[in-house]
Amino acid sequence: MTPRLRTVHASRYITPLREGGSLPAIVEADDDGLYVLKFRGAGQGPRVLVAELIAGELARAAGLRLPELVFVELAPDFARTEPDPEIQQLIRSSAGINLALDYLPGSVTFDPVVDRVDGREASSIVWFDAYCSNVDRTARNANMLMWHRELWLIDHGAALYFHHGGGADNRSRDPFPRIRDHVLLRAATAIAEVDAELAARLTPEVIRGVVEQVPDDWLATGRLAESPRAQRDAYVEHLVRRLDSPRPFVMEACRARSELV
């Protein structure tokens, strides 16, 4: 059974993080935890949060390491103490349910020159990013942190890029050639070896359990289908079909690495 995300209530706005399309911020919640909050009212819209939730929780189900994801309830008057008018407007337009990652104090950005990654772990991350069509794990923007000498994945808002233009069925067998730009591709020495193990963890039941957690109002303006139910079904169908064997994205990742090394 897929664990359900907790819901916390934002209690204090601490500081904005002037990076990323979703204009995240560090906030404190009513459980005394600190979180990196992704706003549903940011310019890229709630689709970023949909991708963050689905890809993040599927990564967790696949055995990868990432901070806890939580729903964050944001009250409209949360903006009253923020002096920046732009941020005030962002907060007001994000009233309701948002998404956040647990803040990892003392973590540092992954550096591919300095930080070494085990070949099997690198292969699992490359496999997963090819599966969920994550275009944003490059040397320029690795979206990974080192914390307590372990590698942690963050920021999956650029995954599942098919949902920005519709056509989920047509993209389910996409080999994802952009995997050639993955920051860990050179270190991914065991892509074929981890394939069956990771695919077995992402059962249709697991995928459905993750997708079912997406709030209805995040799907209100979707292009995949008319209703939130139909949109969820489209995500599930795409993600399940993507695992049908043979998997083109695995073959493409292996091919791209062979050209690189």
C-alpha atoms as a PDB file:
ATOM      1  CA  MET A   1       0.000   0.000   0.000  1.00  0.00           C
ATOM      2  CA  THR A   2       1.346   3.419  -0.979  1.00  0.00           C
ATOM      3  CA  PRO A   3       1.943   5.668   2.075  1.00  0.00           C
ATOM      4  CA  ARG A   4      -0.153   8.818   1.963  1.00  0.00           C
ATOM      5  CA  LEU A   5       1.445  12.233   2.214  1.00  0.00           C
ATOM      6  CA  ARG A   6       0.990  14.090   5.476  1.00  0.00           C
ATOM      7  CA  THR A   7      -0.673  17.500   5.530  1.00  0.00           C
ATOM      8  CA  VAL A   8       0.827  20.329   7.572  1.00  0.00           C
ATOM      9  CA  HIS A   9      -0.198  23.976   7.932  1.00  0.00           C
ATOM     10  CA  ALA A  10       2.283  26.739   7.165  1.00  0.00           C
ATOM     11  CA  SER A  11       2.825  28.870  10.256  1.00  0.00           C
ATOM     12  CA  ARG A  12       5.757  31.147   9.352  1.00  0.00           C
ATOM     13  CA  TYR A  13       7.337  32.373   6.139  1.00  0.00           C
ATOM     14  CA  ILE A  14      11.105  32.380   6.632  1.00  0.00           C
ATOM     15  CA  THR A  15      12.874  33.256   3.400  1.00  0.00           C
ATOM     16  CA  PRO A  16      12.426  33.003  -0.361  1.00  0.00           C
ATOM     17  CA  LEU A  17      14.767  30.888  -2.469  1.00  0.00           C
ATOM     18  CA  ARG A  18      15.398  32.986  -5.566  1.00  0.00           C
ATOM     19  CA  GLU A  19      15.780  30.027  -7.854  1.00  0.00           C
ATOM     20  CA  GLY A  20      13.588  27.695  -9.849  1.00  0.00           C
ATOM     21  CA  GLY A  21      10.444  28.351 -11.838  1.00  0.00           C
ATOM     22  CA  SER A  22       8.170  27.672  -8.871  1.00  0.00           C
ATOM     23  CA  LEU A  23       9.834  30.386  -6.696  1.00  0.00           C
ATOM     24  CA  PRO A  24      10.168  28.137  -3.638  1.00  0.00           C
ATOM     25  CA  ALA A  25      10.551  29.388  -0.088  1.00  0.00           C
ATOM     26  CA  ILE A  26      11.571  27.996   3.272  1.00  0.00           C
ATOM     27  CA  VAL A  27       8.617  27.934   5.653  1.00  0.00           C
ATOM     28  CA  GLU A  28       7.922  26.629   9.122  1.00  0.00           C
ATOM     29  CA  ALA A  29       4.848  24.474   9.692  1.00  0.00           C
ATOM     30  CA  ASP A  30       2.647  23.660  12.660  1.00  0.00           C
ATOM     31  CA  ASP A  31       4.632  20.467  13.303  1.00  0.00           C
ATOM     32  CA  ASP A  32       7.717  22.670  13.989  1.00  0.00           C
ATOM     33  CA  GLY A  33       9.361  21.334  10.822  1.00  0.00           C
ATOM     34  CA  LEU A  34      11.074  23.398   8.134  1.00  0.00           C
ATOM     35  CA  TYR A  35      10.075  22.789   4.516  1.00  0.00           C
ATOM     36  CA  VAL A  36      10.961  23.981   1.035  1.00  0.00           C
ATOM     37  CA  LEU A  37       7.549  25.052  -0.217  1.00  0.00           C
ATOM     38  CA  LYS A  38       6.580  24.912  -3.901  1.00  0.00           C
ATOM     39  CA  PHE A  39       3.728  27.331  -4.663  1.00  0.00           C
ATOM     40  CA  ARG A  40       0.801  26.235  -6.789  1.00  0.00           C
ATOM     41  CA  GLY A  41       0.293  29.856  -7.861  1.00  0.00           C
ATOM     42  CA  ALA A  42       3.765  30.216  -9.415  1.00  0.00           C
ATOM     43  CA  GLY A  43       4.096  31.049 -13.089  1.00  0.00           C
ATOM     44  CA  GLN A  44       4.521  27.468 -14.276  1.00  0.00           C
ATOM     45  CA  GLY A  45       1.241  26.474 -12.662  1.00  0.00           C
ATOM     46  CA  PRO A  46       0.163  23.427 -10.670  1.00  0.00           C
ATOM     47  CA  ARG A  47       1.474  20.969 -13.308  1.00  0.00           C
ATOM     48  CA  VAL A  48       4.895  21.396 -11.721  1.00  0.00           C
ATOM     49  CA  LEU A  49       3.472  20.210  -8.408  1.00  0.00           C
ATOM     50  CA  VAL A  50       1.758  17.274 -10.119  1.00  0.00           C
ATOM     51  CA  ALA A  51       5.086  16.173 -11.582  1.00  0.00           C
ATOM     52  CA  GLU A  52       6.858  16.796  -8.275  1.00  0.00           C
ATOM     53  CA  LEU A  53       4.408  14.611  -6.382  1.00  0.00           C
ATOM     54  CA  ILE A  54       4.101  11.760  -8.886  1.00  0.00           C
ATOM     55  CA  ALA A  55       7.771  11.504  -9.835  1.00  0.00           C
ATOM     56  CA  GLY A  56       8.959  12.074  -6.278  1.00  0.00           C
ATOM     57  CA  GLU A  57       6.798   9.392  -4.717  1.00  0.00           C
ATOM     58  CA  LEU A  58       7.515   6.926  -7.522  1.00  0.00           C
ATOM     59  CA  ALA A  59      11.235   7.540  -6.972  1.00  0.00           C
ATOM     60  CA  ARG A  60      10.724   6.717  -3.309  1.00  0.00           C
ATOM     61  CA  ALA A  61       8.809   3.556  -4.236  1.00  0.00           C
ATOM     62  CA  ALA A  62      11.688   2.580  -6.524  1.00  0.00           C
ATOM     63  CA  GLY A  63      14.052   2.766  -3.537  1.00  0.00           C
ATOM     64  CA  LEU A  64      15.701   6.113  -4.248  1.00  0.00           C
ATOM     65  CA  ARG A  65      16.464   8.637  -1.542  1.00  0.00           C
ATOM     66  CA  LEU A  66      14.634  11.986  -1.374  1.00  0.00           C
ATOM     67  CA  PRO A  67      13.280  14.271   1.368  1.00  0.00           C
ATOM     68  CA  GLU A  68       9.776  13.662   2.646  1.00  0.00           C
ATOM     69  CA  LEU A  69       7.065  15.288   0.552  1.00  0.00           C
ATOM     70  CA  VAL A  70       4.131  16.856   2.389  1.00  0.00           C
ATOM     71  CA  PHE A  71       1.015  18.775   1.479  1.00  0.00           C
ATOM     72  CA  VAL A  72       1.098  22.280   2.936  1.00  0.00           C
ATOM     73  CA  GLU A  73      -2.102  24.176   3.668  1.00  0.00           C
ATOM     74  CA  LEU A  74      -1.500  27.865   3.037  1.00  0.00           C
ATOM     75  CA  ALA A  75      -3.921  30.419   4.501  1.00  0.00           C
ATOM     76  CA  PRO A  76      -4.712  33.559   2.404  1.00  0.00           C
ATOM     77  CA  ASP A  77      -3.541  35.866   5.197  1.00  0.00           C
ATOM     78  CA  PHE A  78      -0.151  34.155   5.338  1.00  0.00           C
ATOM     79  CA  ALA A  79       1.178  37.021   3.169  1.00  0.00           C
ATOM     80  CA  ARG A  80       0.400  39.777   5.640  1.00  0.00           C
ATOM     81  CA  THR A  81       3.943  40.022   7.080  1.00  0.00           C
ATOM     82  CA  GLU A  82       5.767  39.742   3.744  1.00  0.00           C
ATOM     83  CA  PRO A  83       7.004  43.174   2.501  1.00  0.00           C
ATOM     84  CA  ASP A  84       7.728  42.099  -1.089  1.00  0.00           C
ATOM     85  CA  PRO A  85       4.587  42.741  -3.224  1.00  0.00           C
ATOM     86  CA  GLU A  86       5.546  40.021  -5.726  1.00  0.00           C
ATOM     87  CA  ILE A  87       5.798  37.410  -2.998  1.00  0.00           C
ATOM     88  CA  GLN A  88       2.604  38.684  -1.384  1.00  0.00           C
ATOM     89  CA  GLN A  89       0.757  38.074  -4.644  1.00  0.00           C
ATOM     90  CA  LEU A  90       2.341  34.642  -5.053  1.00  0.00           C
ATOM     91  CA  ILE A  91       1.219  33.604  -1.581  1.00  0.00           C
ATOM     92  CA  ARG A  92      -2.322  34.903  -2.076  1.00  0.00           C
ATOM     93  CA  SER A  93      -2.676  33.089  -5.393  1.00  0.00           C
ATOM     94  CA  SER A  94      -1.440  29.891  -3.740  1.00  0.00           C
ATOM     95  CA  ALA A  95      -3.987  29.735  -0.922  1.00  0.00           C
ATOM     96  CA  GLY A  96      -5.018  26.151  -0.272  1.00  0.00           C
ATOM     97  CA  ILE A  97      -3.000  22.980  -0.780  1.00  0.00           C
ATOM     98  CA  ASN A  98       0.613  23.296  -1.929  1.00  0.00           C
ATOM     99  CA  LEU A  99       3.547  20.872  -1.908  1.00  0.00           C
ATOM    100  CA  ALA A 100       6.810  20.941   0.033  1.00  0.00           C
ATOM    101  CA  LEU A 101       9.948  18.925   0.647  1.00  0.00           C
ATOM    102  CA  ASP A 102      11.489  18.460   4.055  1.00  0.00           C
ATOM    103  CA  TYR A 103      14.331  20.947   4.463  1.00  0.00           C
ATOM    104  CA  LEU A 104      17.722  19.235   4.862  1.00  0.00           C
ATOM    105  CA  PRO A 105      19.840  21.584   7.025  1.00  0.00           C
ATOM    106  CA  GLY A 106      23.503  21.596   6.131  1.00  0.00           C
ATOM    107  CA  SER A 107      23.028  19.875   2.786  1.00  0.00           C
ATOM    108  CA  VAL A 108      25.138  20.988  -0.178  1.00  0.00           C
ATOM    109  CA  THR A 109      24.553  20.853  -3.913  1.00  0.00           C
ATOM    110  CA  PHE A 110      25.901  17.725  -5.589  1.00  0.00           C
ATOM    111  CA  ASP A 111      29.157  18.409  -7.436  1.00  0.00           C
ATOM    112  CA  PRO A 112      29.907  15.827 -10.161  1.00  0.00           C
ATOM    113  CA  VAL A 113      33.613  16.703 -10.023  1.00  0.00           C
ATOM    114  CA  VAL A 114      33.991  16.213  -6.272  1.00  0.00           C
ATOM    115  CA  ASP A 115      31.226  13.786  -5.254  1.00  0.00           C
ATOM    116  CA  ARG A 116      31.481  10.146  -6.257  1.00  0.00           C
ATOM    117  CA  VAL A 117      28.380   7.984  -6.750  1.00  0.00           C
ATOM    118  CA  ASP A 118      28.233   4.196  -6.654  1.00  0.00           C
ATOM    119  CA  GLY A 119      27.635   2.738 -10.129  1.00  0.00           C
ATOM    120  CA  ARG A 120      24.484   0.920  -9.111  1.00  0.00           C
ATOM    121  CA  GLU A 121      22.983   3.986  -7.430  1.00  0.00           C
ATOM    122  CA  ALA A 122      23.866   6.147 -10.426  1.00  0.00           C
ATOM    123  CA  SER A 123      22.292   3.564 -12.731  1.00  0.00           C
ATOM    124  CA  SER A 124      19.084   3.498 -10.683  1.00  0.00           C
ATOM    125  CA  ILE A 125      18.784   7.291 -10.855  1.00  0.00           C
ATOM    126  CA  VAL A 126      19.461   7.361 -14.606  1.00  0.00           C
ATOM    127  CA  TRP A 127      16.928   4.564 -15.139  1.00  0.00           C
ATOM    128  CA  PHE A 128      14.293   6.381 -13.112  1.00  0.00           C
ATOM    129  CA  ASP A 129      14.827   9.764 -14.762  1.00  0.00           C
ATOM    130  CA  ALA A 130      14.549   8.136 -18.195  1.00  0.00           C
ATOM    131  CA  TYR A 131      11.361   6.388 -17.089  1.00  0.00           C
ATOM    132  CA  CYS A 132       9.678   9.569 -15.849  1.00  0.00           C
ATOM    133  CA  SER A 133      11.134  11.758 -18.623  1.00  0.00           C
ATOM    134  CA  ASN A 134      12.946  14.089 -16.264  1.00  0.00           C
ATOM    135  CA  VAL A 135      14.704  16.690 -18.419  1.00  0.00           C
ATOM    136  CA  ASP A 136      16.346  18.466 -15.488  1.00  0.00           C
ATOM    137  CA  ARG A 137      19.148  16.380 -13.990  1.00  0.00           C
ATOM    138  CA  THR A 138      22.065  17.749 -15.983  1.00  0.00           C
ATOM    139  CA  ALA A 139      25.553  18.956 -15.082  1.00  0.00           C
ATOM    140  CA  ARG A 140      24.225  22.517 -15.267  1.00  0.00           C
ATOM    141  CA  ASN A 141      21.409  21.783 -12.811  1.00  0.00           C
ATOM    142  CA  ALA A 142      21.856  18.445 -11.062  1.00  0.00           C
ATOM    143  CA  ASN A 143      18.913  18.776  -8.652  1.00  0.00           C
ATOM    144  CA  MET A 144      20.648  16.555  -6.119  1.00  0.00           C
ATOM    145  CA  LEU A 145      22.007  17.236  -2.661  1.00  0.00           C
ATOM    146  CA  MET A 146      24.695  15.648  -0.521  1.00  0.00           C
ATOM    147  CA  TRP A 147      23.506  15.260   3.071  1.00  0.00           C
ATOM    148  CA  HIS A 148      25.282  13.179   5.710  1.00  0.00           C
ATOM    149  CA  ARG A 149      27.461  11.784   2.901  1.00  0.00           C
ATOM    150  CA  GLU A 150      24.441  10.417   1.052  1.00  0.00           C
ATOM    151  CA  LEU A 151      22.895  11.487  -2.241  1.00  0.00           C
ATOM    152  CA  TRP A 152      19.374  12.918  -2.096  1.00  0.00           C
ATOM    153  CA  LEU A 153      17.129  13.702  -5.070  1.00  0.00           C
ATOM    154  CA  ILE A 154      15.123  16.932  -5.208  1.00  0.00           C
ATOM    155  CA  ASP A 155      13.030  18.926  -7.681  1.00  0.00           C
ATOM    156  CA  HIS A 156      11.096  16.691 -10.061  1.00  0.00           C
ATOM    157  CA  GLY A 157       8.878  19.457 -11.406  1.00  0.00           C
ATOM    158  CA  ALA A 158      10.341  19.098 -14.904  1.00  0.00           C
ATOM    159  CA  ALA A 159       9.478  15.385 -15.127  1.00  0.00           C
ATOM    160  CA  LEU A 160       6.479  14.002 -17.032  1.00  0.00           C
ATOM    161  CA  TYR A 161       6.888  16.787 -19.577  1.00  0.00           C
ATOM    162  CA  PHE A 162       4.298  15.162 -21.863  1.00  0.00           C
ATOM    163  CA  HIS A 163       1.512  16.577 -19.686  1.00  0.00           C
ATOM    164  CA  HIS A 164       2.231  20.136 -20.792  1.00  0.00           C
ATOM    165  CA  GLY A 165       1.117  19.337 -24.317  1.00  0.00           C
ATOM    166  CA  GLY A 166      -1.190  16.349 -23.943  1.00  0.00           C
ATOM    167  CA  GLY A 167      -0.832  13.094 -25.847  1.00  0.00           C
ATOM    168  CA  ALA A 168       0.076  10.777 -22.982  1.00  0.00           C
ATOM    169  CA  ASP A 169      -0.580   7.648 -25.031  1.00  0.00           C
ATOM    170  CA  ASN A 170       1.683   8.805 -27.835  1.00  0.00           C
ATOM    171  CA  ARG A 171       4.603   9.403 -25.480  1.00  0.00           C
ATOM    172  CA  SER A 172       4.479   6.243 -23.372  1.00  0.00           C
ATOM    173  CA  ARG A 173       7.001   4.458 -25.628  1.00  0.00           C
ATOM    174  CA  ASP A 174       9.264   7.477 -26.033  1.00  0.00           C
ATOM    175  CA  PRO A 175      12.916   6.348 -25.672  1.00  0.00           C
ATOM    176  CA  PHE A 176      13.763   9.724 -24.103  1.00  0.00           C
ATOM    177  CA  PRO A 177      16.918  10.635 -26.030  1.00  0.00           C
ATOM    178  CA  ARG A 178      17.587  13.569 -23.687  1.00  0.00           C
ATOM    179  CA  ILE A 179      18.963  11.048 -21.203  1.00  0.00           C
ATOM    180  CA  ARG A 180      22.267  11.670 -22.982  1.00  0.00           C
ATOM    181  CA  ASP A 181      22.567  14.906 -20.958  1.00  0.00           C
ATOM    182  CA  HIS A 182      22.145  13.221 -17.550  1.00  0.00           C
ATOM    183  CA  VAL A 183      24.789  14.244 -15.021  1.00  0.00           C
ATOM    184  CA  LEU A 184      25.231  10.635 -13.776  1.00  0.00           C
ATOM    185  CA  LEU A 185      25.210   8.833 -17.124  1.00  0.00           C
ATOM    186  CA  ARG A 186      28.959   8.255 -17.194  1.00  0.00           C
ATOM    187  CA  ALA A 187      28.842   6.716 -13.697  1.00  0.00           C
ATOM    188  CA  ALA A 188      25.810   4.545 -14.525  1.00  0.00           C
ATOM    189  CA  THR A 189      27.623   1.254 -15.099  1.00  0.00           C
ATOM    190  CA  ALA A 190      24.704  -1.088 -14.367  1.00  0.00           C
ATOM    191  CA  ILE A 191      21.613   0.266 -16.142  1.00  0.00           C
ATOM    192  CA  ALA A 192      20.642  -3.084 -17.641  1.00  0.00           C
ATOM    193  CA  GLU A 193      21.247  -4.851 -14.329  1.00  0.00           C
ATOM    194  CA  VAL A 194      18.930  -2.614 -12.271  1.00  0.00           C
ATOM    195  CA  ASP A 195      16.185  -2.562 -14.924  1.00  0.00           C
ATOM    196  CA  ALA A 196      14.116  -5.576 -13.868  1.00  0.00           C
ATOM    197  CA  GLU A 197      14.430  -4.829 -10.145  1.00  0.00           C
ATOM    198  CA  LEU A 198      13.213  -1.242 -10.428  1.00  0.00           C
ATOM    199  CA  ALA A 199      10.424  -2.067 -12.868  1.00  0.00           C
ATOM    200  CA  ALA A 200       9.135  -4.753 -10.485  1.00  0.00           C
ATOM    201  CA  ARG A 201       8.854  -2.221  -7.662  1.00  0.00           C
ATOM    202  CA  LEU A 202       6.635   0.095  -9.713  1.00  0.00           C
ATOM    203  CA  THR A 203       3.565  -2.090  -9.964  1.00  0.00           C
ATOM    204  CA  PRO A 204       0.278  -0.764 -11.379  1.00  0.00           C
ATOM    205  CA  GLU A 205      -1.048  -0.687  -7.814  1.00  0.00           C
ATOM    206  CA  VAL A 206       1.871   1.428  -6.609  1.00  0.00           C
ATOM    207  CA  ILE A 207       1.513   3.808  -9.555  1.00  0.00           C
ATOM    208  CA  ARG A 208      -2.236   4.149  -9.018  1.00  0.00           C
ATOM    209  CA  GLY A 209      -1.728   4.760  -5.292  1.00  0.00           C
ATOM    210  CA  VAL A 210       0.675   7.628  -5.993  1.00  0.00           C
ATOM    211  CA  VAL A 211      -1.416   9.252  -8.737  1.00  0.00           C
ATOM    212  CA  GLU A 212      -4.575   9.087  -6.634  1.00  0.00           C
ATOM    213  CA  GLN A 213      -2.997  11.496  -4.158  1.00  0.00           C
ATOM    214  CA  VAL A 214      -2.910  14.395  -6.637  1.00  0.00           C
ATOM    215  CA  PRO A 215      -5.504  16.973  -5.489  1.00  0.00           C
ATOM    216  CA  ASP A 216      -8.404  17.638  -7.840  1.00  0.00           C
ATOM    217  CA  ASP A 217      -7.743  21.357  -8.112  1.00  0.00           C
ATOM    218  CA  TRP A 218      -4.206  20.747  -9.357  1.00  0.00           C
ATOM    219  CA  LEU A 219      -5.816  18.996 -12.323  1.00  0.00           C
ATOM    220  CA  ALA A 220      -8.450  21.630 -13.049  1.00  0.00           C
ATOM    221  CA  THR A 221      -6.698  23.019 -16.128  1.00  0.00           C
ATOM    222  CA  GLY A 222      -5.205  19.852 -17.540  1.00  0.00           C
ATOM    223  CA  ARG A 223      -4.883  19.046 -21.223  1.00  0.00           C
ATOM    224  CA  LEU A 224      -4.801  15.268 -20.933  1.00  0.00           C
ATOM    225  CA  ALA A 225      -8.537  14.890 -20.406  1.00  0.00           C
ATOM    226  CA  GLU A 226     -11.576  16.780 -19.181  1.00  0.00           C
ATOM    227  CA  SER A 227     -12.089  15.573 -15.628  1.00  0.00           C
ATOM    228  CA  PRO A 228      -9.600  14.995 -12.786  1.00  0.00           C
ATOM    229  CA  ARG A 229     -10.581  11.295 -12.803  1.00  0.00           C
ATOM    230  CA  ALA A 230      -9.861  10.972 -16.510  1.00  0.00           C
ATOM    231  CA  GLN A 231      -6.569  12.810 -16.064  1.00  0.00           C
ATOM    232  CA  ARG A 232      -5.482  10.477 -13.288  1.00  0.00           C
ATOM    233  CA  ASP A 233      -6.339   7.517 -15.497  1.00  0.00           C
ATOM    234  CA  ALA A 234      -4.221   9.038 -18.270  1.00  0.00           C
ATOM    235  CA  TYR A 235      -1.213   9.374 -15.956  1.00  0.00           C
ATOM    236  CA  VAL A 236      -1.589   5.808 -14.724  1.00  0.00           C
ATOM    237  CA  GLU A 237      -1.956   4.416 -18.230  1.00  0.00           C
ATOM    238  CA  HIS A 238       1.114   6.310 -19.437  1.00  0.00           C
ATOM    239  CA  LEU A 239       3.288   5.222 -16.516  1.00  0.00           C
ATOM    240  CA  VAL A 240       2.172   1.589 -16.638  1.00  0.00           C
ATOM    241  CA  ARG A 241       2.613   1.293 -20.404  1.00  0.00           C
ATOM    242  CA  ARG A 242       6.048   2.857 -20.124  1.00  0.00           C
ATOM    243  CA  LEU A 243       7.136  -0.211 -18.169  1.00  0.00           C
ATOM    244  CA  ASP A 244       5.982  -2.686 -20.811  1.00  0.00           C
ATOM    245  CA  SER A 245       8.871  -4.819 -22.011  1.00  0.00           C
ATOM    246  CA  PRO A 246      10.998  -4.188 -23.977  1.00  0.00           C
ATOM    247  CA  ARG A 247      11.517  -0.731 -22.511  1.00  0.00           C
ATOM    248  CA  PRO A 248      12.801   1.725 -25.142  1.00  0.00           C
ATOM    249  CA  PHE A 249      14.022   4.171 -22.503  1.00  0.00           C
ATOM    250  CA  VAL A 250      16.366   1.533 -21.051  1.00  0.00           C
ATOM    251  CA  MET A 251      17.802   0.679 -24.445  1.00  0.00           C
ATOM    252  CA  GLU A 252      18.291   4.377 -25.197  1.00  0.00           C
ATOM    253  CA  ALA A 253      20.046   5.008 -21.876  1.00  0.00           C
ATOM    254  CA  CYS A 254      22.415   2.093 -22.489  1.00  0.00           C
ATOM    255  CA  ARG A 255      23.081   3.293 -26.036  1.00  0.00           C
ATOM    256  CA  ALA A 256      23.731   6.877 -24.890  1.00  0.00           C
ATOM    257  CA  ARG A 257      26.186   5.709 -22.253  1.00  0.00           C
ATOM    258  CA  SER A 258      28.043   3.475 -24.718  1.00  0.00           C
ATOM    259  CA  GLU A 259      28.613   6.530 -26.925  1.00  0.00           C
ATOM    260  CA  LEU A 260      29.758   8.585 -23.954  1.00  0.00           C
ATOM    261  CA  VAL A 261      32.369   6.162 -22.650  1.00  0.00           C
END
